[in-house]
C-alpha atoms as a PDB file:
ATOM      1  CA  MET A   1     -39.522  18.223  84.387  1.00  0.00           C
ATOM      2  CA  LYS A   2     -36.916  17.482  81.743  1.00  0.00           C
ATOM      3  CA  VAL A   3     -33.224  17.067  82.489  1.00  0.00           C
ATOM      4  CA  LEU A   4     -30.933  17.068  79.457  1.00  0.00           C
ATOM      5  CA  ILE A   5     -27.326  15.886  79.237  1.00  0.00           C
ATOM      6  CA  GLY A   6     -25.602  17.504  76.286  1.00  0.00           C
ATOM      7  CA  PRO A   7     -22.920  16.264  73.890  1.00  0.00           C
ATOM      8  CA  ASN A   8     -19.721  15.437  75.763  1.00  0.00           C
ATOM      9  CA  ASP A   9     -16.618  13.259  75.673  1.00  0.00           C
ATOM     10  CA  LYS A  10     -16.742  12.292  79.350  1.00  0.00           C
ATOM     11  CA  GLY A  11     -19.456   9.627  79.301  1.00  0.00           C
ATOM     12  CA  LEU A  12     -21.874  11.692  81.405  1.00  0.00           C
ATOM     13  CA  GLU A  13     -24.827   9.938  79.768  1.00  0.00           C
ATOM     14  CA  LEU A  14     -23.768   6.675  81.432  1.00  0.00           C
ATOM     15  CA  ALA A  15     -25.488   7.952  84.573  1.00  0.00           C
ATOM     16  CA  LEU A  16     -28.923   7.990  82.901  1.00  0.00           C
ATOM     17  CA  PRO A  17     -30.090   4.508  84.005  1.00  0.00           C
ATOM     18  CA  SER A  18     -29.358   5.172  87.685  1.00  0.00           C
ATOM     19  CA  LEU A  19     -30.846   8.680  87.506  1.00  0.00           C
ATOM     20  CA  ARG A  20     -34.048   7.345  85.950  1.00  0.00           C
ATOM     21  CA  GLU A  21     -34.307   4.684  88.618  1.00  0.00           C
ATOM     22  CA  GLU A  22     -33.790   7.189  91.429  1.00  0.00           C
ATOM     23  CA  TYR A  23     -36.106   9.845  89.963  1.00  0.00           C
ATOM     24  CA  PRO A  24     -38.803   7.966  87.980  1.00  0.00           C
ATOM     25  CA  ARG A  25     -41.032  11.042  87.647  1.00  0.00           C
ATOM     26  CA  ILE A  26     -38.362  13.101  85.900  1.00  0.00           C
ATOM     27  CA  GLU A  27     -37.659  12.876  82.172  1.00  0.00           C
ATOM     28  CA  PHE A  28     -33.948  12.378  81.560  1.00  0.00           C
ATOM     29  CA  ALA A  29     -32.591  12.724  78.039  1.00  0.00           C
ATOM     30  CA  HIS A  30     -29.268  12.798  76.244  1.00  0.00           C
ATOM     31  CA  CYS A  31     -28.405  14.697  73.077  1.00  0.00           C
ATOM     32  CA  SER A  32     -25.262  13.312  71.459  1.00  0.00           C
ATOM     33  CA  ALA A  33     -25.052  15.629  68.439  1.00  0.00           C
ATOM     34  CA  GLN A  34     -24.283  19.340  68.617  1.00  0.00           C
ATOM     35  CA  SER A  35     -26.458  19.913  65.552  1.00  0.00           C
ATOM     36  CA  ALA A  36     -29.507  18.575  67.408  1.00  0.00           C
ATOM     37  CA  LEU A  37     -28.882  20.345  70.708  1.00  0.00           C
ATOM     38  CA  ALA A  38     -30.973  23.455  70.034  1.00  0.00           C
ATOM     39  CA  ALA A  39     -34.081  21.353  69.460  1.00  0.00           C
ATOM     40  CA  ALA A  40     -33.394  19.040  72.398  1.00  0.00           C
ATOM     41  CA  ILE A  41     -32.794  21.832  74.912  1.00  0.00           C
ATOM     42  CA  ALA A  42     -35.874  23.870  73.967  1.00  0.00           C
ATOM     43  CA  ASP A  43     -38.091  22.291  76.660  1.00  0.00           C
ATOM     44  CA  ALA A  44     -35.395  21.325  79.187  1.00  0.00           C
ATOM     45  CA  GLU A  45     -35.472  22.851  82.672  1.00  0.00           C
ATOM     46  CA  ILE A  46     -32.115  21.455  83.767  1.00  0.00           C
ATOM     47  CA  TYR A  47     -29.080  21.096  81.518  1.00  0.00           C
ATOM     48  CA  LEU A  48     -25.724  19.409  82.086  1.00  0.00           C
ATOM     49  CA  GLY A  49     -23.077  20.295  79.543  1.00  0.00           C
ATOM     50  CA  ALA A  50     -21.551  23.031  77.414  1.00  0.00           C
ATOM     51  CA  LEU A  51     -23.560  25.467  75.349  1.00  0.00           C
ATOM     52  CA  ASN A  52     -23.065  28.461  73.109  1.00  0.00           C
ATOM     53  CA  HIS A  53     -25.060  31.650  72.553  1.00  0.00           C
ATOM     54  CA  ASP A  54     -27.469  30.234  69.972  1.00  0.00           C
ATOM     55  CA  THR A  55     -28.104  27.098  72.002  1.00  0.00           C
ATOM     56  CA  TYR A  56     -28.887  29.139  75.098  1.00  0.00           C
ATOM     57  CA  LEU A  57     -31.362  31.301  73.194  1.00  0.00           C
ATOM     58  CA  ALA A  58     -33.099  28.121  72.031  1.00  0.00           C
ATOM     59  CA  ALA A  59     -33.592  27.032  75.646  1.00  0.00           C
ATOM     60  CA  LYS A  60     -36.941  28.495  76.672  1.00  0.00           C
ATOM     61  CA  ARG A  61     -37.446  26.849  80.079  1.00  0.00           C
ATOM     62  CA  LEU A  62     -34.024  26.544  81.675  1.00  0.00           C
ATOM     63  CA  THR A  63     -33.814  27.177  85.409  1.00  0.00           C
ATOM     64  CA  TRP A  64     -30.423  25.587  86.144  1.00  0.00           C
ATOM     65  CA  ILE A  65     -27.272  24.833  84.151  1.00  0.00           C
ATOM     66  CA  GLN A  66     -24.590  22.511  85.510  1.00  0.00           C
ATOM     67  CA  ALA A  67     -21.362  23.235  83.663  1.00  0.00           C
ATOM     68  CA  ALA A  68     -19.126  20.293  82.825  1.00  0.00           C
ATOM     69  CA  SER A  69     -16.016  22.442  83.273  1.00  0.00           C
ATOM     70  CA  SER A  70     -14.333  24.190  86.174  1.00  0.00           C
ATOM     71  CA  GLY A  71     -14.075  27.472  84.292  1.00  0.00           C
ATOM     72  CA  ILE A  72     -17.354  29.207  83.495  1.00  0.00           C
ATOM     73  CA  ASP A  73     -16.126  32.264  81.567  1.00  0.00           C
ATOM     74  CA  GLN A  74     -17.575  30.847  78.338  1.00  0.00           C
ATOM     75  CA  TYR A  75     -20.996  30.653  79.973  1.00  0.00           C
ATOM     76  CA  LEU A  76     -20.849  34.175  81.402  1.00  0.00           C
ATOM     77  CA  ALA A  77     -19.731  35.421  77.978  1.00  0.00           C
ATOM     78  CA  ILE A  78     -23.330  34.759  76.893  1.00  0.00           C
ATOM     79  CA  HIS A  79     -24.818  38.132  77.827  1.00  0.00           C
ATOM     80  CA  GLU A  80     -28.375  36.880  78.121  1.00  0.00           C
ATOM     81  CA  LEU A  81     -27.323  34.098  80.484  1.00  0.00           C
ATOM     82  CA  ALA A  82     -25.159  36.396  82.600  1.00  0.00           C
ATOM     83  CA  ALA A  83     -28.096  38.809  82.978  1.00  0.00           C
ATOM     84  CA  SER A  84     -30.657  36.092  83.746  1.00  0.00           C
ATOM     85  CA  ASP A  85     -31.691  34.441  87.001  1.00  0.00           C
ATOM     86  CA  VAL A  86     -30.877  30.963  85.662  1.00  0.00           C
ATOM     87  CA  LEU A  87     -28.792  29.120  88.245  1.00  0.00           C
ATOM     88  CA  LEU A  88     -25.289  28.292  87.051  1.00  0.00           C
ATOM     89  CA  THR A  89     -23.035  25.809  88.805  1.00  0.00           C
ATOM     90  CA  SER A  90     -19.499  24.845  87.861  1.00  0.00           C
ATOM     91  CA  ALA A  91     -17.469  21.655  88.074  1.00  0.00           C
ATOM     92  CA  SER A  92     -14.895  23.434  90.215  1.00  0.00           C
ATOM     93  CA  GLY A  93     -12.703  21.039  92.157  1.00  0.00           C
ATOM     94  CA  THR A  94     -13.102  18.118  89.772  1.00  0.00           C
ATOM     95  CA  HIS A  95      -9.851  18.870  87.962  1.00  0.00           C
ATOM     96  CA  ALA A  96      -7.730  19.899  90.948  1.00  0.00           C
ATOM     97  CA  ALA A  97      -5.576  16.777  91.227  1.00  0.00           C
ATOM     98  CA  ALA A  98      -5.069  16.484  87.478  1.00  0.00           C
ATOM     99  CA  LEU A  99      -4.131  20.143  87.064  1.00  0.00           C
ATOM    100  CA  ALA A 100      -1.757  19.992  90.019  1.00  0.00           C
ATOM    101  CA  GLU A 101      -0.042  16.907  88.633  1.00  0.00           C
ATOM    102  CA  SER A 102       0.174  18.502  85.186  1.00  0.00           C
ATOM    103  CA  ALA A 103       1.769  21.670  86.587  1.00  0.00           C
ATOM    104  CA  LEU A 104       4.358  19.588  88.416  1.00  0.00           C
ATOM    105  CA  GLY A 105       4.920  17.474  85.321  1.00  0.00           C
ATOM    106  CA  MET A 106       5.590  20.576  83.234  1.00  0.00           C
ATOM    107  CA  ILE A 107       8.115  21.824  85.767  1.00  0.00           C
ATOM    108  CA  LEU A 108       9.832  18.442  86.025  1.00  0.00           C
ATOM    109  CA  ALA A 109       9.999  18.222  82.231  1.00  0.00           C
ATOM    110  CA  PHE A 110      12.435  21.140  82.436  1.00  0.00           C
ATOM    111  CA  THR A 111      14.237  20.503  85.716  1.00  0.00           C
ATOM    112  CA  ARG A 112      14.816  16.789  85.031  1.00  0.00           C
ATOM    113  CA  GLY A 113      15.714  17.189  81.365  1.00  0.00           C
ATOM    114  CA  LEU A 114      12.760  15.152  80.098  1.00  0.00           C
ATOM    115  CA  ARG A 115      12.001  17.453  77.158  1.00  0.00           C
ATOM    116  CA  GLU A 116      15.585  17.346  75.949  1.00  0.00           C
ATOM    117  CA  ALA A 117      15.837  13.591  76.479  1.00  0.00           C
ATOM    118  CA  LEU A 118      12.744  13.033  74.331  1.00  0.00           C
ATOM    119  CA  VAL A 119      14.242  15.117  71.535  1.00  0.00           C
ATOM    120  CA  CYS A 120      17.467  13.115  71.779  1.00  0.00           C
ATOM    121  CA  GLN A 121      15.486   9.873  71.635  1.00  0.00           C
ATOM    122  CA  GLN A 122      13.742  10.979  68.462  1.00  0.00           C
ATOM    123  CA  ARG A 123      17.142  11.805  66.947  1.00  0.00           C
ATOM    124  CA  ARG A 124      18.712   8.584  68.297  1.00  0.00           C
ATOM    125  CA  GLU A 125      21.270  10.688  70.123  1.00  0.00           C
ATOM    126  CA  TRP A 126      22.847   9.922  73.515  1.00  0.00           C
ATOM    127  CA  GLY A 127      22.761  13.339  75.183  1.00  0.00           C
ATOM    128  CA  GLY A 128      23.728  12.272  78.672  1.00  0.00           C
ATOM    129  CA  ARG A 129      26.462  14.759  79.431  1.00  0.00           C
ATOM    130  CA  SER A 130      24.798  17.811  77.893  1.00  0.00           C
ATOM    131  CA  ILE A 131      21.462  17.143  79.614  1.00  0.00           C
ATOM    132  CA  ARG A 132      22.828  16.101  82.997  1.00  0.00           C
ATOM    133  CA  SER A 133      24.824  19.283  83.445  1.00  0.00           C
ATOM    134  CA  LYS A 134      21.578  21.327  83.336  1.00  0.00           C
ATOM    135  CA  LEU A 135      19.515  19.300  85.792  1.00  0.00           C
ATOM    136  CA  ALA A 136      18.176  20.726  89.041  1.00  0.00           C
ATOM    137  CA  GLU A 137      16.245  19.320  91.966  1.00  0.00           C
ATOM    138  CA  LEU A 138      13.419  21.190  93.647  1.00  0.00           C
ATOM    139  CA  THR A 139      14.823  20.921  97.179  1.00  0.00           C
ATOM    140  CA  GLY A 140      15.058  24.334  98.803  1.00  0.00           C
ATOM    141  CA  SER A 141      13.391  26.164  95.907  1.00  0.00           C
ATOM    142  CA  THR A 142      10.444  28.541  96.254  1.00  0.00           C
ATOM    143  CA  PHE A 143       7.111  27.780  94.613  1.00  0.00           C
ATOM    144  CA  GLY A 144       4.686  30.622  94.021  1.00  0.00           C
ATOM    145  CA  ILE A 145       1.042  29.625  93.536  1.00  0.00           C
ATOM    146  CA  ILE A 146      -1.284  32.326  92.217  1.00  0.00           C
ATOM    147  CA  GLY A 147      -4.820  31.248  93.054  1.00  0.00           C
ATOM    148  CA  PHE A 148      -5.313  29.127  96.149  1.00  0.00           C
ATOM    149  CA  GLY A 149      -8.582  27.436  95.440  1.00  0.00           C
ATOM    150  CA  ALA A 150      -8.974  23.698  94.873  1.00  0.00           C
ATOM    151  CA  VAL A 151      -6.219  23.587  92.236  1.00  0.00           C
ATOM    152  CA  GLY A 152      -3.742  25.732  94.150  1.00  0.00           C
ATOM    153  CA  ARG A 153      -4.262  23.728  97.326  1.00  0.00           C
ATOM    154  CA  ALA A 154      -3.854  20.426  95.488  1.00  0.00           C
ATOM    155  CA  LEU A 155      -0.605  21.707  94.004  1.00  0.00           C
ATOM    156  CA  ALA A 156       0.722  22.925  97.365  1.00  0.00           C
ATOM    157  CA  LYS A 157      -0.080  19.577  98.954  1.00  0.00           C
ATOM    158  CA  ARG A 158       2.071  17.841  96.349  1.00  0.00           C
ATOM    159  CA  VAL A 159       4.856  20.417  96.313  1.00  0.00           C
ATOM    160  CA  GLN A 160       5.491  20.001 100.039  1.00  0.00           C
ATOM    161  CA  ALA A 161       6.889  16.520  99.312  1.00  0.00           C
ATOM    162  CA  PHE A 162       9.770  18.174  97.436  1.00  0.00           C
ATOM    163  CA  ASP A 163      10.999  20.059 100.519  1.00  0.00           C
ATOM    164  CA  ALA A 164      10.293  23.376  98.835  1.00  0.00           C
ATOM    165  CA  ARG A 165       9.077  26.677 100.280  1.00  0.00           C
ATOM    166  CA  ILE A 166       5.540  27.585  99.229  1.00  0.00           C
ATOM    167  CA  LEU A 167       4.079  31.066  98.736  1.00  0.00           C
ATOM    168  CA  ALA A 168       0.444  31.477  97.726  1.00  0.00           C
ATOM    169  CA  LEU A 169      -1.927  34.267  96.694  1.00  0.00           C
ATOM    170  CA  ASP A 170      -5.689  34.309  96.495  1.00  0.00           C
ATOM    171  CA  LEU A 171      -8.512  36.749  95.896  1.00  0.00           C
ATOM    172  CA  TYR A 172      -9.874  35.694  99.281  1.00  0.00           C
ATOM    173  CA  PRO A 173      -6.942  34.333 101.338  1.00  0.00           C
ATOM    174  CA  ARG A 174      -7.998  32.082 104.214  1.00  0.00           C
ATOM    175  CA  ASP A 175      -7.247  28.749 105.899  1.00  0.00           C
ATOM    176  CA  LYS A 176      -3.486  28.600 105.343  1.00  0.00           C
ATOM    177  CA  PRO A 177      -2.074  25.059 105.604  1.00  0.00           C
ATOM    178  CA  GLU A 178       0.885  24.792 107.960  1.00  0.00           C
ATOM    179  CA  TYR A 179       3.188  23.718 105.124  1.00  0.00           C
ATOM    180  CA  VAL A 180       2.533  26.960 103.204  1.00  0.00           C
ATOM    181  CA  ALA A 181       4.954  29.692 104.291  1.00  0.00           C
ATOM    182  CA  HIS A 182       2.667  32.581 103.367  1.00  0.00           C
ATOM    183  CA  LEU A 183      -0.872  32.971 102.004  1.00  0.00           C
ATOM    184  CA  TRP A 184      -1.344  36.540 100.819  1.00  0.00           C
ATOM    185  CA  GLY A 185      -3.904  38.646  98.999  1.00  0.00           C
ATOM    186  CA  LEU A 186      -3.311  39.671  95.383  1.00  0.00           C
ATOM    187  CA  ASP A 187      -1.672  42.900  96.551  1.00  0.00           C
ATOM    188  CA  ARG A 188       1.410  40.830  97.385  1.00  0.00           C
ATOM    189  CA  LEU A 189       1.815  39.580  93.809  1.00  0.00           C
ATOM    190  CA  PRO A 190       5.080  41.530  93.293  1.00  0.00           C
ATOM    191  CA  ASP A 191       6.603  39.880  96.370  1.00  0.00           C
ATOM    192  CA  LEU A 192       5.633  36.403  95.215  1.00  0.00           C
ATOM    193  CA  LEU A 193       7.041  36.998  91.733  1.00  0.00           C
ATOM    194  CA  ARG A 194      10.355  38.334  93.057  1.00  0.00           C
ATOM    195  CA  GLU A 195      10.902  35.441  95.452  1.00  0.00           C
ATOM    196  CA  SER A 196       9.692  32.438  93.459  1.00  0.00           C
ATOM    197  CA  ASP A 197      11.716  30.030  91.362  1.00  0.00           C
ATOM    198  CA  TYR A 198       8.559  28.422  89.971  1.00  0.00           C
ATOM    199  CA  VAL A 199       5.275  30.278  89.531  1.00  0.00           C
ATOM    200  CA  THR A 200       1.980  28.584  88.672  1.00  0.00           C
ATOM    201  CA  VAL A 201      -1.052  30.637  87.633  1.00  0.00           C
ATOM    202  CA  ALA A 202      -4.248  28.931  88.790  1.00  0.00           C
ATOM    203  CA  VAL A 203      -6.700  31.808  89.369  1.00  0.00           C
ATOM    204  CA  PRO A 204     -10.091  31.753  87.624  1.00  0.00           C
ATOM    205  CA  PHE A 205     -10.591  34.120  84.697  1.00  0.00           C
ATOM    206  CA  THR A 206     -12.449  37.235  85.841  1.00  0.00           C
ATOM    207  CA  PRO A 207     -12.266  40.949  84.950  1.00  0.00           C
ATOM    208  CA  GLU A 208      -9.908  41.309  87.928  1.00  0.00           C
ATOM    209  CA  THR A 209      -7.494  38.599  86.791  1.00  0.00           C
ATOM    210  CA  CYS A 210      -7.562  39.318  83.050  1.00  0.00           C
ATOM    211  CA  GLY A 211      -4.014  40.237  82.014  1.00  0.00           C
ATOM    212  CA  MET A 212      -2.740  40.155  85.594  1.00  0.00           C
ATOM    213  CA  ILE A 213       0.618  38.709  84.450  1.00  0.00           C
ATOM    214  CA  GLY A 214       1.956  41.215  81.945  1.00  0.00           C
ATOM    215  CA  ALA A 215       5.279  42.789  81.022  1.00  0.00           C
ATOM    216  CA  GLN A 216       5.537  44.649  84.340  1.00  0.00           C
ATOM    217  CA  GLN A 217       4.956  41.508  86.379  1.00  0.00           C
ATOM    218  CA  LEU A 218       7.259  39.344  84.256  1.00  0.00           C
ATOM    219  CA  ALA A 219      10.033  41.889  84.767  1.00  0.00           C
ATOM    220  CA  LEU A 220       9.872  41.196  88.506  1.00  0.00           C
ATOM    221  CA  MET A 221      10.625  37.503  88.116  1.00  0.00           C
ATOM    222  CA  LYS A 222      14.051  35.962  88.448  1.00  0.00           C
ATOM    223  CA  PRO A 223      15.788  35.350  85.092  1.00  0.00           C
ATOM    224  CA  THR A 224      16.155  31.738  86.227  1.00  0.00           C
ATOM    225  CA  ALA A 225      12.440  31.337  87.019  1.00  0.00           C
ATOM    226  CA  LEU A 226       9.845  29.169  85.295  1.00  0.00           C
ATOM    227  CA  LEU A 227       6.210  30.237  84.749  1.00  0.00           C
ATOM    228  CA  VAL A 228       3.311  27.779  84.351  1.00  0.00           C
ATOM    229  CA  GLY A 229      -0.173  28.736  83.120  1.00  0.00           C
ATOM    230  CA  ILE A 230      -2.964  26.193  83.652  1.00  0.00           C
ATOM    231  CA  SER A 231      -6.213  28.123  84.243  1.00  0.00           C
ATOM    232  CA  ARG A 232      -7.161  30.444  81.371  1.00  0.00           C
ATOM    233  CA  GLY A 233      -5.058  31.948  78.589  1.00  0.00           C
ATOM    234  CA  LYS A 234      -5.983  35.606  78.933  1.00  0.00           C
ATOM    235  CA  ILE A 235      -4.608  35.837  82.463  1.00  0.00           C
ATOM    236  CA  ILE A 236      -1.023  35.813  81.135  1.00  0.00           C
ATOM    237  CA  ASP A 237      -0.105  38.346  78.452  1.00  0.00           C
ATOM    238  CA  GLN A 238       1.189  35.989  75.746  1.00  0.00           C
ATOM    239  CA  LYS A 239       3.024  38.662  73.755  1.00  0.00           C
ATOM    240  CA  ALA A 240       4.839  39.937  76.828  1.00  0.00           C
ATOM    241  CA  LEU A 241       5.703  36.360  77.802  1.00  0.00           C
ATOM    242  CA  ALA A 242       7.045  35.564  74.331  1.00  0.00           C
ATOM    243  CA  GLN A 243       9.289  38.619  74.428  1.00  0.00           C
ATOM    244  CA  ALA A 244      10.609  37.762  77.894  1.00  0.00           C
ATOM    245  CA  LEU A 245      11.392  34.208  76.774  1.00  0.00           C
ATOM    246  CA  ARG A 246      13.083  35.320  73.555  1.00  0.00           C
ATOM    247  CA  GLU A 247      15.245  37.801  75.428  1.00  0.00           C
ATOM    248  CA  LYS A 248      16.084  35.195  78.110  1.00  0.00           C
ATOM    249  CA  ARG A 249      14.716  37.460  80.846  1.00  0.00           C
ATOM    250  CA  LEU A 250      12.778  34.397  81.956  1.00  0.00           C
ATOM    251  CA  ALA A 251      14.335  30.951  81.820  1.00  0.00           C
ATOM    252  CA  ALA A 252      11.298  28.995  80.677  1.00  0.00           C
ATOM    253  CA  ALA A 253       7.538  28.711  80.692  1.00  0.00           C
ATOM    254  CA  ALA A 254       4.862  26.074  80.181  1.00  0.00           C
ATOM    255  CA  LEU A 255       1.337  26.835  78.968  1.00  0.00           C
ATOM    256  CA  ASP A 256      -1.722  24.632  78.723  1.00  0.00           C
ATOM    257  CA  VAL A 257      -4.150  27.492  77.979  1.00  0.00           C
ATOM    258  CA  PHE A 258      -4.061  30.260  75.395  1.00  0.00           C
ATOM    259  CA  ASP A 259      -5.818  33.425  74.231  1.00  0.00           C
ATOM    260  CA  GLN A 260      -7.053  31.560  71.173  1.00  0.00           C
ATOM    261  CA  GLU A 261      -7.627  27.814  71.095  1.00  0.00           C
ATOM    262  CA  PRO A 262      -6.575  25.851  69.172  1.00  0.00           C
ATOM    263  CA  LEU A 263      -3.363  27.874  69.081  1.00  0.00           C
ATOM    264  CA  PRO A 264      -2.938  29.038  65.446  1.00  0.00           C
ATOM    265  CA  ALA A 265      -0.107  27.371  63.548  1.00  0.00           C
ATOM    266  CA  ASP A 266       1.499  30.745  62.792  1.00  0.00           C
ATOM    267  CA  ASN A 267       1.542  31.902  66.422  1.00  0.00           C
ATOM    268  CA  GLU A 268       4.980  32.967  67.627  1.00  0.00           C
ATOM    269  CA  LEU A 269       4.728  30.781  70.729  1.00  0.00           C
ATOM    270  CA  TRP A 270       5.282  27.602  68.720  1.00  0.00           C
ATOM    271  CA  GLY A 271       8.827  28.652  67.843  1.00  0.00           C
ATOM    272  CA  LEU A 272      10.090  29.344  71.362  1.00  0.00           C
ATOM    273  CA  GLU A 273      12.541  26.644  72.452  1.00  0.00           C
ATOM    274  CA  ASN A 274      12.138  27.515  76.144  1.00  0.00           C
ATOM    275  CA  LEU A 275       8.340  27.204  76.077  1.00  0.00           C
ATOM    276  CA  PHE A 276       6.523  23.909  76.705  1.00  0.00           C
ATOM    277  CA  ILE A 277       3.079  23.812  75.045  1.00  0.00           C
ATOM    278  CA  THR A 278       0.278  21.391  75.865  1.00  0.00           C
ATOM    279  CA  PRO A 279      -3.153  21.637  74.123  1.00  0.00           C
ATOM    280  CA  HIS A 280      -5.495  22.397  77.057  1.00  0.00           C
ATOM    281  CA  ILE A 281      -5.265  18.852  78.400  1.00  0.00           C
ATOM    282  CA  ALA A 282      -3.983  19.490  81.930  1.00  0.00           C
ATOM    283  CA  GLY A 283      -7.353  18.810  83.561  1.00  0.00           C
ATOM    284  CA  GLY A 284      -7.787  15.419  81.960  1.00  0.00           C
ATOM    285  CA  THR A 285      -8.266  12.370  84.182  1.00  0.00           C
ATOM    286  CA  GLN A 286      -9.942   8.988  83.924  1.00  0.00           C
ATOM    287  CA  LEU A 287     -12.120  10.118  86.843  1.00  0.00           C
ATOM    288  CA  GLU A 288     -13.288  13.385  85.257  1.00  0.00           C
ATOM    289  CA  GLY A 289     -16.760  12.162  84.278  1.00  0.00           C
ATOM    290  CA  GLN A 290     -17.416  10.618  87.684  1.00  0.00           C
ATOM    291  CA  TYR A 291     -16.304  13.765  89.501  1.00  0.00           C
ATOM    292  CA  ILE A 292     -18.685  15.895  87.428  1.00  0.00           C
ATOM    293  CA  LEU A 293     -21.558  13.463  87.955  1.00  0.00           C
ATOM    294  CA  ASP A 294     -20.941  13.453  91.708  1.00  0.00           C
ATOM    295  CA  ILE A 295     -21.456  17.229  91.768  1.00  0.00           C
ATOM    296  CA  PHE A 296     -24.482  17.021  89.485  1.00  0.00           C
ATOM    297  CA  HIS A 297     -26.087  14.264  91.543  1.00  0.00           C
ATOM    298  CA  GLU A 298     -25.594  16.208  94.774  1.00  0.00           C
ATOM    299  CA  ASN A 299     -26.912  19.394  93.193  1.00  0.00           C
ATOM    300  CA  LEU A 300     -29.914  17.675  91.652  1.00  0.00           C
ATOM    301  CA  GLY A 301     -30.992  16.526  95.091  1.00  0.00           C
ATOM    302  CA  ARG A 302     -30.512  20.004  96.522  1.00  0.00           C
ATOM    303  CA  PHE A 303     -32.354  21.610  93.603  1.00  0.00           C
ATOM    304  CA  LEU A 304     -35.379  19.348  93.961  1.00  0.00           C
ATOM    305  CA  ARG A 305     -35.503  19.935  97.723  1.00  0.00           C
ATOM    306  CA  GLY A 306     -35.280  23.685  97.219  1.00  0.00           C
ATOM    307  CA  GLU A 307     -31.947  23.983  99.031  1.00  0.00           C
ATOM    308  CA  ARG A 308     -29.805  26.956  98.044  1.00  0.00           C
ATOM    309  CA  PRO A 309     -27.091  27.686  97.290  1.00  0.00           C
ATOM    310  CA  LEU A 310     -26.155  24.698  95.194  1.00  0.00           C
ATOM    311  CA  ARG A 311     -22.628  23.310  95.330  1.00  0.00           C
ATOM    312  CA  ASN A 312     -20.302  25.469  93.200  1.00  0.00           C
ATOM    313  CA  GLN A 313     -23.104  27.946  92.521  1.00  0.00           C
ATOM    314  CA  VAL A 314     -21.586  30.788  90.523  1.00  0.00           C
ATOM    315  CA  ASP A 315     -21.569  34.283  91.936  1.00  0.00           C
ATOM    316  CA  ARG A 316     -21.965  36.396  88.814  1.00  0.00           C
ATOM    317  CA  ARG A 317     -20.494  39.461  90.559  1.00  0.00           C
ATOM    318  CA  ARG A 318     -17.231  37.648  91.300  1.00  0.00           C
ATOM    319  CA  GLY A 319     -17.200  35.749  88.011  1.00  0.00           C
ATOM    320  CA  PHE A 320     -16.806  32.289  89.532  1.00  0.00           C
END
């Protein structure tokens, strides 16, 4: 049996010595170059990493793929993989803390004047009075969290420290923490949007969630509200969001994910002064590689023992 770790920037190959020691009868390999991946994966039965359509077609013996990302839409976009019986597991949960902290950081960048202060610093301007008059604290505000999986729960856990009210939605609402005021199904999206001062979109990308925040939904939000997108770009209608921001029907927004990445230089979003853009970095953490390897190590043991389902095993019908 051959287990291959693909090209990555998370140091996943550092686990090879311990894996070889624990499983001496298994061949473990690492391919560091994308150009060599098709040849390296041809005889692999287990693969850890990202892959594209051509690489998947080159893999003749795969039985299980461990994604190195929480989102798996790029894997399911490969028609042959989606239609196969190859096991697919995600790294869901590994980025929860980082994404939650990033969402809060984006909000605080606006409410605490950090974006404006940085601009003033670059200009060597002392903008104390103009910035201070716009500042707001989160006490007593309402946070709406769309998607109450690992990321949404990590965010709610942190938000409670700000003495804010928390509303949450999920495809499968269950196990409401006591500090969350309401945990609803997606049918209550209009209510959450109307009541929230800060809305974070953390649902996985599926056919059901594609475009779920469009012009109609944005129109329900308070003109003073702030929208944060940290899961996948196509969940929020970017054109509708840009129009709402330009017309000041929404106070501000922050996006880490986009329809097209990298975001093209001529995209209208770059020019919006009330939009905070980060380049799909919100899930970054110094612990990312270790978190992914923890899941892979657990799943490798389960796979070899014939235990199913594996941790984070993807349900192709649900899309995550």
